């Protein structure tokens, strides 16, 4: 097994996309909880969930960003794919900064059980930036086709784990 599989995932099964699902889901929950609290639809529970979700999102961001960076480093500089991926990276770093600042200055809101003012705005702006970054990430896969094998006739056994074929199979092919 190649060392790169630990950071980038298997061929046809990159590591970055499933990590983004978790990270985006956590930040989405944080945003919903903040809005619910600000609208008065919840007492202290939503504010507590918001802040804890921000912390969890920031923690999940680390492996998500590292796996994305490992993919980004393999892209040829200056290509259209690289430009899209760099825009994706910039949007996601920006969203993380907004969420991080919201968590830092929102600690008192968490303790008080109410999300107000700047932490709420930072969370919403972070989420909108996250949506933009996710859209750009989708373009990397669905427009540029990065890490897509396009093996539509591959048998299920190989499709779920398309590792390189053993030497015996390659000789027969």
N, C-alpha and C. Protein backbone atom coordinates (compact mmCIF):
# COMPACT_ATOMS: atom_id res chain seq x y z
N UNK A 1 0.84 -1.18 0.00
CA UNK A 1 0.00 0.00 0.00
C UNK A 1 0.89 1.24 0.00
N UNK A 2 0.51 2.21 -0.82
CA UNK A 2 1.27 3.45 -0.92
C UNK A 2 0.97 4.35 0.27
N UNK A 3 1.99 5.07 0.73
CA UNK A 3 1.82 6.02 1.83
C UNK A 3 0.80 7.11 1.47
N UNK A 4 0.75 7.49 0.19
CA UNK A 4 -0.18 8.55 -0.23
C UNK A 4 -1.64 8.16 0.01
N UNK A 5 -1.94 6.86 0.06
CA UNK A 5 -3.31 6.41 0.31
C UNK A 5 -3.80 6.88 1.69
N UNK A 6 -2.88 7.01 2.65
CA UNK A 6 -3.27 7.43 3.98
C UNK A 6 -3.68 8.90 4.02
N UNK A 7 -3.13 9.71 3.12
CA UNK A 7 -3.41 11.14 3.11
C UNK A 7 -4.41 11.51 2.02
N UNK A 8 -4.32 10.84 0.87
CA UNK A 8 -5.14 11.21 -0.27
C UNK A 8 -6.30 10.24 -0.52
N UNK A 9 -6.26 9.05 0.08
CA UNK A 9 -7.28 8.05 -0.17
C UNK A 9 -6.89 7.13 -1.31
N UNK A 10 -7.76 6.20 -1.62
CA UNK A 10 -7.51 5.22 -2.67
C UNK A 10 -7.89 5.79 -4.04
N UNK A 11 -7.37 5.19 -5.11
CA UNK A 11 -7.81 5.63 -6.44
C UNK A 11 -9.33 5.45 -6.56
N UNK A 12 -9.99 6.48 -7.00
CA UNK A 12 -11.45 6.43 -7.12
C UNK A 12 -12.18 6.68 -5.81
N UNK A 13 -11.44 6.75 -4.72
CA UNK A 13 -12.02 6.99 -3.39
C UNK A 13 -11.16 7.99 -2.63
N UNK A 14 -11.12 9.25 -3.08
CA UNK A 14 -10.29 10.23 -2.39
C UNK A 14 -10.78 10.46 -0.96
N UNK A 15 -9.87 10.80 -0.08
CA UNK A 15 -10.18 11.02 1.33
C UNK A 15 -10.86 12.37 1.58
N UNK A 16 -10.49 13.38 0.82
CA UNK A 16 -10.99 14.74 1.08
C UNK A 16 -12.51 14.88 1.01
N UNK A 17 -13.20 14.37 -0.03
CA UNK A 17 -14.66 14.60 -0.09
C UNK A 17 -15.46 14.10 1.10
N UNK A 18 -15.23 12.87 1.61
CA UNK A 18 -16.03 12.49 2.77
C UNK A 18 -15.72 13.30 4.02
N UNK A 19 -14.49 13.77 4.14
CA UNK A 19 -14.16 14.64 5.27
C UNK A 19 -14.87 15.98 5.14
N UNK A 20 -15.01 16.48 3.90
CA UNK A 20 -15.73 17.74 3.71
C UNK A 20 -17.20 17.58 4.07
N UNK A 21 -17.76 16.41 3.79
CA UNK A 21 -19.17 16.18 4.16
C UNK A 21 -19.36 16.37 5.65
N UNK A 22 -18.47 15.78 6.44
CA UNK A 22 -18.58 15.89 7.90
C UNK A 22 -18.39 17.34 8.34
N UNK A 23 -17.36 17.99 7.82
CA UNK A 23 -17.06 19.36 8.23
C UNK A 23 -18.19 20.32 7.85
N UNK A 24 -18.65 20.23 6.61
CA UNK A 24 -19.74 21.11 6.17
C UNK A 24 -21.01 20.84 6.98
N UNK A 25 -21.27 19.58 7.26
CA UNK A 25 -22.44 19.23 8.07
C UNK A 25 -22.38 19.84 9.46
N UNK A 26 -21.22 19.79 10.08
CA UNK A 26 -21.06 20.35 11.42
C UNK A 26 -21.26 21.86 11.40
N UNK A 27 -20.63 22.54 10.43
CA UNK A 27 -20.79 23.99 10.34
C UNK A 27 -22.22 24.39 9.98
N UNK A 28 -22.89 23.57 9.19
CA UNK A 28 -24.29 23.83 8.86
C UNK A 28 -25.14 23.76 10.12
N UNK A 29 -24.91 22.72 10.93
CA UNK A 29 -25.64 22.62 12.20
C UNK A 29 -25.36 23.83 13.08
N UNK A 30 -24.10 24.25 13.17
CA UNK A 30 -23.75 25.41 14.00
C UNK A 30 -24.52 26.65 13.54
N UNK A 31 -24.62 26.84 12.23
CA UNK A 31 -25.32 28.01 11.70
C UNK A 31 -26.81 27.93 12.02
N UNK A 32 -27.40 26.77 11.82
CA UNK A 32 -28.83 26.60 12.13
C UNK A 32 -29.09 26.85 13.62
N UNK A 33 -28.23 26.29 14.47
CA UNK A 33 -28.40 26.48 15.91
C UNK A 33 -28.29 27.96 16.28
N UNK A 34 -27.34 28.68 15.68
CA UNK A 34 -27.18 30.11 15.97
C UNK A 34 -28.42 30.90 15.55
N UNK A 35 -28.92 30.59 14.37
CA UNK A 35 -30.11 31.30 13.87
C UNK A 35 -31.32 30.97 14.75
N UNK A 36 -31.51 29.70 15.11
CA UNK A 36 -32.62 29.32 15.98
C UNK A 36 -32.55 30.06 17.31
N UNK A 37 -31.34 30.17 17.86
CA UNK A 37 -31.19 30.88 19.12
C UNK A 37 -31.49 32.36 18.96
N UNK A 38 -30.96 32.96 17.90
CA UNK A 38 -31.16 34.39 17.67
C UNK A 38 -32.64 34.72 17.45
N UNK A 39 -33.38 33.80 16.84
CA UNK A 39 -34.81 34.02 16.60
C UNK A 39 -35.66 33.70 17.83
N UNK A 40 -35.02 33.19 18.87
CA UNK A 40 -35.73 32.87 20.09
C UNK A 40 -36.48 31.55 20.03
N UNK A 41 -36.13 30.69 19.09
CA UNK A 41 -36.81 29.41 18.94
C UNK A 41 -36.26 28.36 19.90
N UNK A 42 -35.23 28.72 20.63
CA UNK A 42 -34.64 27.82 21.60
C UNK A 42 -34.08 28.66 22.74
N UNK A 43 -34.03 28.07 23.89
CA UNK A 43 -33.41 28.79 25.01
C UNK A 43 -31.90 28.59 24.92
N UNK A 44 -31.27 28.18 25.95
CA UNK A 44 -29.81 28.08 25.98
C UNK A 44 -29.27 26.90 25.17
N UNK A 45 -30.08 25.91 24.89
CA UNK A 45 -29.61 24.70 24.22
C UNK A 45 -29.01 24.97 22.85
N UNK A 46 -29.68 25.78 22.04
CA UNK A 46 -29.17 26.07 20.70
C UNK A 46 -27.84 26.82 20.76
N UNK A 47 -27.72 27.77 21.68
CA UNK A 47 -26.47 28.52 21.82
C UNK A 47 -25.34 27.59 22.24
N UNK A 48 -25.61 26.70 23.15
CA UNK A 48 -24.59 25.74 23.57
C UNK A 48 -24.20 24.82 22.41
N UNK A 49 -25.20 24.34 21.67
CA UNK A 49 -24.94 23.49 20.51
C UNK A 49 -24.15 24.22 19.44
N UNK A 50 -24.47 25.51 19.22
CA UNK A 50 -23.77 26.33 18.24
C UNK A 50 -22.27 26.38 18.54
N UNK A 51 -21.94 26.73 19.76
CA UNK A 51 -20.52 26.91 20.09
C UNK A 51 -19.77 25.59 20.07
N UNK A 52 -20.38 24.55 20.62
CA UNK A 52 -19.72 23.24 20.60
C UNK A 52 -19.55 22.73 19.16
N UNK A 53 -20.55 23.00 18.30
CA UNK A 53 -20.43 22.60 16.90
C UNK A 53 -19.32 23.38 16.20
N UNK A 54 -19.16 24.66 16.53
CA UNK A 54 -18.05 25.42 15.95
C UNK A 54 -16.72 24.78 16.33
N UNK A 55 -16.58 24.39 17.58
CA UNK A 55 -15.33 23.75 18.02
C UNK A 55 -15.11 22.42 17.29
N UNK A 56 -16.17 21.64 17.17
CA UNK A 56 -16.05 20.36 16.45
C UNK A 56 -15.72 20.61 14.98
N UNK A 57 -16.34 21.61 14.37
CA UNK A 57 -16.06 21.95 12.98
C UNK A 57 -14.61 22.36 12.79
N UNK A 58 -14.10 23.16 13.71
CA UNK A 58 -12.70 23.57 13.63
C UNK A 58 -11.77 22.37 13.76
N UNK A 59 -12.11 21.43 14.63
CA UNK A 59 -11.29 20.22 14.79
C UNK A 59 -11.33 19.37 13.51
N UNK A 60 -12.50 19.19 12.94
CA UNK A 60 -12.64 18.40 11.70
C UNK A 60 -11.99 19.10 10.51
N UNK A 61 -11.87 20.43 10.58
CA UNK A 61 -11.25 21.18 9.50
C UNK A 61 -9.79 20.77 9.29
N UNK A 62 -9.11 20.39 10.36
CA UNK A 62 -7.68 20.07 10.25
C UNK A 62 -7.44 18.89 9.29
N UNK A 63 -8.01 17.70 9.51
CA UNK A 63 -7.76 16.62 8.56
C UNK A 63 -8.38 16.89 7.18
N UNK A 64 -9.50 17.61 7.17
CA UNK A 64 -10.13 17.94 5.89
C UNK A 64 -9.21 18.83 5.06
N UNK A 65 -8.66 19.86 5.68
CA UNK A 65 -7.77 20.78 4.97
C UNK A 65 -6.47 20.09 4.56
N UNK A 66 -5.93 19.25 5.43
CA UNK A 66 -4.68 18.57 5.09
C UNK A 66 -4.85 17.63 3.90
N UNK A 67 -5.97 16.90 3.86
CA UNK A 67 -6.20 16.01 2.72
C UNK A 67 -6.46 16.80 1.44
N UNK A 68 -7.13 17.94 1.56
CA UNK A 68 -7.35 18.80 0.40
C UNK A 68 -6.05 19.41 -0.09
N UNK A 69 -5.21 19.82 0.84
CA UNK A 69 -3.90 20.37 0.47
C UNK A 69 -3.06 19.32 -0.25
N UNK A 70 -3.12 18.08 0.22
CA UNK A 70 -2.37 16.99 -0.44
C UNK A 70 -2.84 16.83 -1.89
N UNK A 71 -4.13 16.95 -2.13
CA UNK A 71 -4.65 16.88 -3.51
C UNK A 71 -4.22 18.12 -4.30
N UNK A 72 -4.34 19.30 -3.69
CA UNK A 72 -4.01 20.56 -4.37
C UNK A 72 -2.55 20.57 -4.83
N UNK A 73 -1.67 20.02 -4.02
CA UNK A 73 -0.25 20.01 -4.36
C UNK A 73 0.07 19.17 -5.60
N UNK A 74 -0.85 18.30 -6.00
CA UNK A 74 -0.63 17.46 -7.18
C UNK A 74 -1.11 18.11 -8.47
N UNK A 75 -1.77 19.25 -8.37
CA UNK A 75 -2.36 19.91 -9.55
C UNK A 75 -1.30 20.78 -10.23
N UNK A 76 -1.28 20.75 -11.54
CA UNK A 76 -0.34 21.56 -12.31
C UNK A 76 -0.68 23.04 -12.15
N UNK A 77 0.29 23.80 -11.69
CA UNK A 77 0.10 25.24 -11.46
C UNK A 77 -0.30 25.95 -12.75
N UNK A 78 -1.23 26.92 -12.59
CA UNK A 78 -1.62 27.77 -13.70
C UNK A 78 -2.74 27.21 -14.56
N UNK A 79 -3.09 25.93 -14.38
CA UNK A 79 -4.17 25.34 -15.17
C UNK A 79 -5.51 25.86 -14.65
N UNK A 80 -6.55 25.66 -15.45
CA UNK A 80 -7.89 26.07 -15.02
C UNK A 80 -8.31 25.29 -13.77
N UNK A 81 -7.95 24.02 -13.70
CA UNK A 81 -8.23 23.22 -12.51
C UNK A 81 -7.54 23.83 -11.30
N UNK A 82 -6.29 24.21 -11.45
CA UNK A 82 -5.54 24.81 -10.34
C UNK A 82 -6.20 26.11 -9.89
N UNK A 83 -6.65 26.92 -10.85
CA UNK A 83 -7.31 28.19 -10.51
C UNK A 83 -8.59 27.93 -9.71
N UNK A 84 -9.37 26.95 -10.15
CA UNK A 84 -10.61 26.62 -9.44
C UNK A 84 -10.28 26.07 -8.04
N UNK A 85 -9.30 25.18 -7.97
CA UNK A 85 -8.92 24.58 -6.69
C UNK A 85 -8.35 25.63 -5.74
N UNK A 86 -7.61 26.58 -6.27
CA UNK A 86 -7.05 27.64 -5.43
C UNK A 86 -8.16 28.55 -4.91
N UNK A 87 -9.15 28.83 -5.74
CA UNK A 87 -10.31 29.61 -5.29
C UNK A 87 -11.07 28.85 -4.20
N UNK A 88 -11.22 27.55 -4.39
CA UNK A 88 -11.87 26.70 -3.38
C UNK A 88 -11.09 26.77 -2.07
N UNK A 89 -9.78 26.62 -2.15
CA UNK A 89 -8.93 26.66 -0.96
C UNK A 89 -9.09 28.01 -0.25
N UNK A 90 -9.04 29.10 -1.01
CA UNK A 90 -9.16 30.44 -0.41
C UNK A 90 -10.52 30.62 0.27
N UNK A 91 -11.58 30.17 -0.38
CA UNK A 91 -12.92 30.30 0.22
C UNK A 91 -13.01 29.49 1.51
N UNK A 92 -12.47 28.28 1.50
CA UNK A 92 -12.58 27.44 2.69
C UNK A 92 -11.73 27.96 3.85
N UNK A 93 -10.55 28.49 3.54
CA UNK A 93 -9.72 29.10 4.59
C UNK A 93 -10.44 30.32 5.16
N UNK A 94 -11.05 31.13 4.29
CA UNK A 94 -11.78 32.31 4.73
C UNK A 94 -12.95 31.92 5.63
N UNK A 95 -13.71 30.91 5.22
CA UNK A 95 -14.83 30.44 6.04
C UNK A 95 -14.33 29.97 7.41
N UNK A 96 -13.22 29.25 7.42
CA UNK A 96 -12.66 28.76 8.68
C UNK A 96 -12.27 29.91 9.60
N UNK A 97 -11.71 30.96 9.02
CA UNK A 97 -11.34 32.13 9.82
C UNK A 97 -12.60 32.76 10.44
N UNK A 98 -13.66 32.91 9.66
CA UNK A 98 -14.91 33.45 10.21
C UNK A 98 -15.44 32.59 11.35
N UNK A 99 -15.46 31.27 11.14
CA UNK A 99 -15.95 30.37 12.19
C UNK A 99 -15.04 30.42 13.42
N UNK A 100 -13.74 30.49 13.20
CA UNK A 100 -12.79 30.55 14.31
C UNK A 100 -12.97 31.81 15.14
N UNK A 101 -13.12 32.94 14.47
CA UNK A 101 -13.33 34.21 15.19
C UNK A 101 -14.67 34.17 15.93
N UNK A 102 -15.71 33.62 15.27
CA UNK A 102 -17.02 33.49 15.93
C UNK A 102 -16.90 32.67 17.20
N UNK A 103 -16.14 31.59 17.15
CA UNK A 103 -15.96 30.75 18.35
C UNK A 103 -15.19 31.50 19.43
N UNK A 104 -14.16 32.23 19.03
CA UNK A 104 -13.36 32.97 20.02
C UNK A 104 -14.17 34.05 20.70
N UNK A 105 -14.80 34.91 19.92
CA UNK A 105 -15.52 36.03 20.54
C UNK A 105 -16.91 35.60 21.02
N UNK A 106 -17.35 34.41 20.63
CA UNK A 106 -18.67 33.93 21.04
C UNK A 106 -18.66 33.11 22.31
N UNK A 107 -17.50 32.97 22.92
CA UNK A 107 -17.42 32.17 24.15
C UNK A 107 -18.35 32.72 25.23
N UNK A 108 -18.41 34.02 25.37
CA UNK A 108 -19.31 34.61 26.37
C UNK A 108 -20.77 34.36 26.02
N UNK A 109 -21.10 34.39 24.72
CA UNK A 109 -22.46 34.06 24.30
C UNK A 109 -22.79 32.62 24.66
N UNK A 110 -21.83 31.73 24.48
CA UNK A 110 -22.03 30.32 24.84
C UNK A 110 -22.30 30.20 26.34
N UNK A 111 -21.50 30.89 27.14
CA UNK A 111 -21.69 30.82 28.60
C UNK A 111 -23.05 31.39 29.01
N UNK A 112 -23.47 32.46 28.33
CA UNK A 112 -24.75 33.10 28.66
C UNK A 112 -25.93 32.35 28.06
N UNK A 113 -25.66 31.49 27.08
CA UNK A 113 -26.74 30.73 26.45
C UNK A 113 -27.51 31.51 25.41
N UNK A 114 -26.89 32.55 24.82
CA UNK A 114 -27.53 33.36 23.79
C UNK A 114 -26.51 33.79 22.76
N UNK A 115 -26.86 33.62 21.47
CA UNK A 115 -25.98 34.05 20.39
C UNK A 115 -26.46 35.41 19.92
N UNK A 116 -25.57 36.39 19.97
CA UNK A 116 -25.94 37.76 19.60
C UNK A 116 -24.93 38.36 18.64
N UNK A 117 -25.32 39.45 17.99
CA UNK A 117 -24.46 40.35 17.25
C UNK A 117 -23.35 39.74 16.41
N UNK A 118 -22.12 40.11 16.74
CA UNK A 118 -20.96 39.75 15.92
C UNK A 118 -20.78 38.24 15.76
N UNK A 119 -20.90 37.44 16.82
CA UNK A 119 -20.74 35.99 16.61
C UNK A 119 -21.78 35.41 15.65
N UNK A 120 -23.00 35.91 15.73
CA UNK A 120 -24.06 35.45 14.82
C UNK A 120 -23.72 35.85 13.38
N UNK A 121 -23.33 37.11 13.17
CA UNK A 121 -23.00 37.58 11.82
C UNK A 121 -21.79 36.82 11.28
N UNK A 122 -20.76 36.63 12.10
CA UNK A 122 -19.58 35.89 11.67
C UNK A 122 -19.93 34.45 11.27
N UNK A 123 -20.82 33.84 12.02
CA UNK A 123 -21.24 32.47 11.71
C UNK A 123 -21.97 32.43 10.38
N UNK A 124 -22.88 33.36 10.17
CA UNK A 124 -23.65 33.39 8.91
C UNK A 124 -22.74 33.70 7.73
N UNK A 125 -21.84 34.66 7.87
CA UNK A 125 -20.90 34.98 6.79
C UNK A 125 -19.97 33.78 6.53
N UNK A 126 -19.52 33.13 7.60
CA UNK A 126 -18.71 31.93 7.45
C UNK A 126 -19.46 30.86 6.68
N UNK A 127 -20.73 30.68 7.00
CA UNK A 127 -21.52 29.67 6.31
C UNK A 127 -21.70 30.00 4.83
N UNK A 128 -22.00 31.26 4.52
CA UNK A 128 -22.17 31.66 3.11
C UNK A 128 -20.87 31.47 2.33
N UNK A 129 -19.75 31.76 2.97
CA UNK A 129 -18.45 31.55 2.33
C UNK A 129 -18.19 30.05 2.17
N UNK A 130 -18.60 29.27 3.14
CA UNK A 130 -18.47 27.81 3.07
C UNK A 130 -19.28 27.25 1.90
N UNK A 131 -20.48 27.77 1.70
CA UNK A 131 -21.31 27.34 0.57
C UNK A 131 -20.61 27.64 -0.75
N UNK A 132 -20.04 28.84 -0.87
CA UNK A 132 -19.29 29.19 -2.08
C UNK A 132 -18.12 28.22 -2.27
N UNK A 133 -17.38 27.95 -1.21
CA UNK A 133 -16.25 27.03 -1.30
C UNK A 133 -16.68 25.62 -1.66
N UNK A 134 -17.80 25.18 -1.14
CA UNK A 134 -18.33 23.86 -1.49
C UNK A 134 -18.74 23.79 -2.95
N UNK A 135 -19.32 24.86 -3.45
CA UNK A 135 -19.71 24.93 -4.86
C UNK A 135 -18.47 24.84 -5.74
N UNK A 136 -17.41 25.54 -5.37
CA UNK A 136 -16.16 25.47 -6.12
C UNK A 136 -15.54 24.08 -6.03
N UNK A 137 -15.64 23.45 -4.85
CA UNK A 137 -15.15 22.08 -4.70
C UNK A 137 -15.91 21.13 -5.60
N UNK A 138 -17.21 21.32 -5.74
CA UNK A 138 -18.00 20.51 -6.65
C UNK A 138 -17.55 20.69 -8.09
N UNK A 139 -17.18 21.91 -8.46
CA UNK A 139 -16.69 22.16 -9.82
C UNK A 139 -15.39 21.41 -10.08
N UNK A 140 -14.56 21.28 -9.06
CA UNK A 140 -13.30 20.55 -9.21
C UNK A 140 -13.57 19.11 -9.64
N UNK A 141 -14.58 18.51 -9.03
CA UNK A 141 -14.91 17.12 -9.34
C UNK A 141 -15.80 17.01 -10.57
N UNK A 142 -16.91 17.73 -10.58
CA UNK A 142 -17.93 17.51 -11.60
C UNK A 142 -17.69 18.25 -12.91
N UNK A 143 -16.90 19.32 -12.88
CA UNK A 143 -16.55 20.02 -14.11
C UNK A 143 -15.18 19.59 -14.62
N UNK A 144 -14.20 19.67 -13.74
CA UNK A 144 -12.83 19.32 -14.12
C UNK A 144 -12.56 17.81 -14.05
N UNK A 145 -13.35 17.08 -13.29
CA UNK A 145 -13.20 15.62 -13.20
C UNK A 145 -12.00 15.15 -12.40
N UNK A 146 -11.52 15.95 -11.47
CA UNK A 146 -10.35 15.55 -10.68
C UNK A 146 -10.66 14.32 -9.84
N UNK A 147 -9.78 13.35 -9.91
CA UNK A 147 -9.84 12.09 -9.14
C UNK A 147 -11.03 11.22 -9.52
N UNK A 148 -11.66 11.49 -10.66
CA UNK A 148 -12.77 10.68 -11.12
C UNK A 148 -12.23 9.67 -12.12
N UNK A 149 -12.49 8.38 -11.90
CA UNK A 149 -11.96 7.34 -12.76
C UNK A 149 -12.83 7.07 -13.98
N UNK A 150 -14.13 7.34 -13.90
CA UNK A 150 -15.07 7.14 -15.02
C UNK A 150 -15.05 5.69 -15.53
N UNK A 151 -15.09 4.74 -14.63
CA UNK A 151 -15.11 3.32 -14.99
C UNK A 151 -16.55 2.82 -14.87
N UNK A 152 -17.41 3.25 -15.77
CA UNK A 152 -18.84 2.97 -15.66
C UNK A 152 -19.18 1.49 -15.78
N UNK A 153 -18.36 0.69 -16.43
CA UNK A 153 -18.64 -0.74 -16.58
C UNK A 153 -17.84 -1.60 -15.61
N UNK A 154 -17.22 -0.99 -14.63
CA UNK A 154 -16.40 -1.73 -13.67
C UNK A 154 -17.30 -2.59 -12.78
N UNK A 155 -16.94 -3.87 -12.56
CA UNK A 155 -17.73 -4.70 -11.66
C UNK A 155 -17.76 -4.12 -10.25
N UNK A 156 -18.84 -4.39 -9.55
CA UNK A 156 -19.03 -3.85 -8.20
C UNK A 156 -17.82 -4.11 -7.30
N UNK A 157 -17.27 -5.31 -7.34
CA UNK A 157 -16.15 -5.65 -6.46
C UNK A 157 -14.96 -4.71 -6.68
N UNK A 158 -14.73 -4.32 -7.92
CA UNK A 158 -13.61 -3.42 -8.22
C UNK A 158 -14.03 -1.96 -8.03
N UNK A 159 -15.30 -1.66 -8.26
CA UNK A 159 -15.76 -0.28 -8.14
C UNK A 159 -15.67 0.22 -6.70
N UNK A 160 -15.92 -0.64 -5.75
CA UNK A 160 -15.87 -0.21 -4.35
C UNK A 160 -14.44 -0.09 -3.84
N UNK A 161 -13.49 -0.69 -4.54
CA UNK A 161 -12.09 -0.59 -4.15
C UNK A 161 -11.20 -0.76 -5.38
N UNK A 162 -11.14 0.25 -6.25
CA UNK A 162 -10.39 0.12 -7.50
C UNK A 162 -8.89 0.30 -7.34
N UNK A 163 -8.29 -0.57 -6.55
CA UNK A 163 -6.83 -0.56 -6.43
C UNK A 163 -6.23 -1.05 -7.74
N UNK A 164 -4.96 -0.74 -7.97
CA UNK A 164 -4.34 -1.26 -9.19
C UNK A 164 -4.48 -2.78 -9.26
N UNK A 165 -4.69 -3.28 -10.48
CA UNK A 165 -4.88 -4.71 -10.67
C UNK A 165 -3.60 -5.46 -10.33
N UNK A 166 -3.73 -6.65 -9.70
CA UNK A 166 -2.54 -7.46 -9.45
C UNK A 166 -1.86 -7.82 -10.78
N UNK A 167 -0.56 -8.11 -10.73
CA UNK A 167 0.22 -8.38 -11.94
C UNK A 167 -0.39 -9.49 -12.79
N UNK A 168 -0.94 -10.52 -12.15
CA UNK A 168 -1.52 -11.64 -12.90
C UNK A 168 -2.70 -11.16 -13.75
N UNK A 169 -3.58 -10.31 -13.15
CA UNK A 169 -4.73 -9.78 -13.89
C UNK A 169 -4.28 -8.87 -15.02
N UNK A 170 -3.24 -8.06 -14.79
CA UNK A 170 -2.76 -7.15 -15.82
C UNK A 170 -2.21 -7.91 -17.01
N UNK A 171 -1.53 -9.05 -16.76
CA UNK A 171 -0.98 -9.86 -17.84
C UNK A 171 -2.09 -10.49 -18.67
N UNK A 172 -3.20 -10.84 -18.01
CA UNK A 172 -4.34 -11.46 -18.72
C UNK A 172 -5.14 -10.44 -19.51
N UNK A 173 -5.10 -9.17 -19.07
CA UNK A 173 -5.93 -8.12 -19.71
C UNK A 173 -5.42 -7.70 -21.06
